[in-house]
Structures are given as structure tokens and as C-alpha cells.
Amino acid sequence: ELTMDSFIESVRSEIESLNLSIVSIEDNEAAYFYDVLKHKFRLDYTSLFVWSKLNRFSDFSYGESVNWEVLIQELMNDFNSELFLCITNEEFYPWPILKGKKGEIVELIGSLPFFEYFVFDSNFEELLFDTHDNFFRKVRIIKA
């Protein structure tokens, strides 16, 4: 079983080998993001699978028959061109957050062996989780 540290090492080397401009964000910026996300989406950081306790979500299954890349790009349509990738990988909070262009984030995710993560952008209006059950879970802030 890969530890988070060794997994992050493999992510970094993949970023390098693909020549992507994806970077880690600073701890203080990550702490701010976690705070905003926690309040906006009522995330429970004591839960191993944060996505399992959410309200008001839509699930999109991908199996053998679904083109993963087409689906993830569709689900990311509403996001800004710069994305944040939070690698949860069945570990407890806090998790590392990477920042990069949407297309590069998709390329990175697609080139790695399966892992759990979620993505968001600086609007903090929706989250997209990829779960170990082969489905995406998308959560939106309901504006009053």
C-alpha cells in the first residue's frame, strides 16, 4: 500500500516526465482553501471519504463502456481554466493540493494509476470528486 508521501513523489515525477506546469500550493494557501471549502460545502474532514457525507450531489458512473476522458472534460466544463487538484487517495485530512491548467490536470490524472481526488477552482462553487467506486460525484453550491 502506497503511503501519501510516496504517492506524491510518483505524482511529481509524472509531472516532470510529462513536462507539465503543475505546482504544489503553499500550506497557508491550502489552509485557506480548506477553510472556505469546509464552510461552503460543509465538508467533514474527520471522514476518510469526504464525498460519502455530502448533500445535493450528482453522480456520474464510468465503467468499461464510458470514455473517462470525455466524461471528466464534460464535468469540468463549468470550471475556470486554472484548477486545483486535491489528492485525498484514501488518506485522512490534510491533503496536498496542486494547481495547474485544466487540460494538464486531466492529462496528469489520466496518466497515473487510479487514485482518489477532487478538483475545484477559485470560485469555490463546485467540487468534482473521483471515488474508488468508479464514479464522479459533483457538488454545487446552491445560490440563494
Protein backbone atom coordinates (compact mmCIF):
# COMPACT_ATOMS: atom_id res chain seq x y z
CA GLU A 1 0.00 0.00 0.00
CA LEU A 2 1.47 3.32 -1.10
CA THR A 3 1.86 5.98 1.53
CA MET A 4 0.74 9.50 0.64
CA ASP A 5 4.36 10.66 0.57
CA SER A 6 5.47 8.00 -1.87
CA PHE A 7 2.38 8.59 -4.00
CA ILE A 8 3.09 12.34 -4.12
CA GLU A 9 6.66 11.52 -5.18
CA SER A 10 5.31 9.47 -8.09
CA VAL A 11 2.93 12.33 -8.98
CA ARG A 12 5.84 14.79 -9.02
CA SER A 13 7.93 12.58 -11.26
CA GLU A 14 4.95 12.10 -13.59
CA ILE A 15 4.51 15.90 -13.80
CA GLU A 16 8.18 16.18 -14.70
CA SER A 17 8.16 13.40 -17.28
CA LEU A 18 5.06 14.85 -18.97
CA ASN A 19 6.62 18.31 -18.76
CA LEU A 20 3.54 19.85 -17.16
CA SER A 21 3.47 23.22 -15.38
CA ILE A 22 1.55 21.89 -12.36
CA VAL A 23 2.79 23.09 -8.97
CA SER A 24 2.07 22.44 -5.29
CA ILE A 25 0.44 25.26 -3.42
CA GLU A 26 1.82 26.64 -0.16
CA ASP A 27 0.50 25.32 3.15
CA ASN A 28 -1.02 28.67 4.14
CA GLU A 29 -2.91 28.92 0.84
CA ALA A 30 -4.06 25.31 1.22
CA ALA A 31 -5.25 26.03 4.77
CA TYR A 32 -7.31 28.95 3.46
CA PHE A 33 -8.83 26.79 0.70
CA TYR A 34 -9.70 24.05 3.18
CA ASP A 35 -11.40 26.57 5.40
CA VAL A 36 -13.50 28.00 2.56
CA LEU A 37 -14.41 24.55 1.22
CA LYS A 38 -15.31 23.27 4.67
CA HIS A 39 -17.79 26.10 5.23
CA LYS A 40 -19.22 26.31 1.74
CA PHE A 41 -19.69 22.59 1.23
CA ARG A 42 -19.92 21.53 4.88
CA LEU A 43 -17.11 19.04 4.37
CA ASP A 44 -16.38 16.69 7.22
CA TYR A 45 -12.60 16.44 7.44
CA THR A 46 -12.76 13.72 10.07
CA SER A 47 -14.22 11.39 7.45
CA LEU A 48 -11.89 9.25 5.35
CA PHE A 49 -14.24 9.55 2.38
CA VAL A 50 -15.37 13.16 2.44
CA TRP A 51 -17.54 12.63 -0.64
CA SER A 52 -19.63 9.99 1.13
CA LYS A 53 -21.24 12.51 3.51
CA LEU A 54 -22.31 15.22 1.09
CA ASN A 55 -25.77 16.52 0.34
CA ARG A 56 -27.18 17.58 -3.02
CA PHE A 57 -24.86 15.91 -5.46
CA SER A 58 -24.99 14.25 -8.87
CA ASP A 59 -23.17 11.01 -9.61
CA PHE A 60 -21.74 10.02 -12.98
CA SER A 61 -20.60 6.46 -13.39
CA TYR A 62 -17.72 5.46 -15.60
CA GLY A 63 -17.00 1.83 -16.29
CA GLU A 64 -15.78 -0.13 -19.25
CA SER A 65 -18.31 1.46 -21.58
CA VAL A 66 -17.79 5.13 -20.72
CA ASN A 67 -14.99 7.23 -22.13
CA TRP A 68 -13.43 8.55 -18.93
CA GLU A 69 -11.64 11.47 -20.58
CA VAL A 70 -14.74 12.72 -22.43
CA LEU A 71 -16.78 12.45 -19.23
CA ILE A 72 -14.29 14.25 -17.00
CA GLN A 73 -13.89 17.06 -19.53
CA GLU A 74 -17.66 17.47 -19.74
CA LEU A 75 -17.94 17.54 -15.95
CA MET A 76 -15.19 20.16 -15.79
CA ASN A 77 -16.79 22.45 -18.38
CA ASP A 78 -18.02 24.94 -15.78
CA PHE A 79 -14.67 25.22 -14.03
CA ASN A 80 -12.18 28.02 -14.68
CA SER A 81 -9.17 27.24 -16.84
CA GLU A 82 -6.99 27.03 -13.72
CA LEU A 83 -7.84 24.15 -11.43
CA PHE A 84 -6.84 22.88 -8.03
CA LEU A 85 -6.33 19.15 -7.61
CA CYS A 86 -6.66 17.87 -4.06
CA ILE A 87 -5.19 14.39 -3.67
CA THR A 88 -7.10 12.51 -0.97
CA ASN A 89 -6.18 8.96 -2.00
CA GLU A 90 -7.94 7.22 0.88
CA GLU A 91 -5.95 9.11 3.47
CA PHE A 92 -7.16 11.41 6.21
CA TYR A 93 -7.04 15.23 6.00
CA PRO A 94 -4.92 17.33 5.43
CA TRP A 95 -4.22 16.53 1.79
CA PRO A 96 -1.82 18.06 -0.72
CA ILE A 97 -3.24 20.47 -3.29
CA LEU A 98 -1.77 21.01 -6.75
CA LYS A 99 -2.54 23.87 -9.12
CA GLY A 100 -2.49 23.76 -12.90
CA LYS A 101 -4.27 24.30 -16.20
CA LYS A 102 -7.43 22.25 -16.68
CA GLY A 103 -6.08 20.28 -19.64
CA GLU A 104 -2.84 19.47 -17.82
CA ILE A 105 -4.68 18.35 -14.68
CA VAL A 106 -6.79 15.97 -16.81
CA GLU A 107 -3.64 14.70 -18.55
CA LEU A 108 -1.92 14.10 -15.22
CA ILE A 109 -4.91 12.28 -13.68
CA GLY A 110 -5.27 10.13 -16.78
CA SER A 111 -1.59 9.15 -16.79
CA LEU A 112 -1.49 7.98 -13.16
CA PRO A 113 -2.78 4.71 -11.73
CA PHE A 114 -6.22 5.25 -10.22
CA PHE A 115 -6.36 7.41 -7.08
CA GLU A 116 -8.99 9.36 -5.18
CA TYR A 117 -9.04 13.13 -5.52
CA PHE A 118 -11.27 16.11 -6.01
CA VAL A 119 -10.93 19.23 -8.12
CA PHE A 120 -12.20 22.76 -7.63
CA ASP A 121 -11.46 26.26 -8.89
CA SER A 122 -11.08 29.68 -7.30
CA ASN A 123 -14.85 30.34 -7.48
CA PHE A 124 -15.37 27.60 -4.88
CA GLU A 125 -18.81 26.89 -6.36
CA GLU A 126 -18.45 23.25 -7.24
CA LEU A 127 -16.38 20.22 -6.38
CA LEU A 128 -15.79 17.17 -8.52
CA PHE A 129 -14.78 14.01 -6.67
CA ASP A 130 -13.43 10.85 -8.25
CA THR A 131 -14.33 7.98 -5.94
CA HIS A 132 -12.99 4.45 -5.55
CA ASP A 133 -16.38 3.19 -6.73
CA ASN A 134 -15.75 4.32 -10.32
CA PHE A 135 -18.00 7.30 -10.31
CA PHE A 136 -17.60 11.05 -10.26
CA ARG A 137 -19.57 12.96 -7.67
CA LYS A 138 -20.25 16.59 -8.48
CA VAL A 139 -21.39 19.00 -5.79
CA ARG A 140 -22.62 22.53 -6.42
CA ILE A 141 -23.26 25.40 -4.09
CA ILE A 142 -26.94 26.24 -4.21
CA LYS A 143 -27.12 30.01 -4.51
CA ALA A 144 -29.91 31.64 -2.54
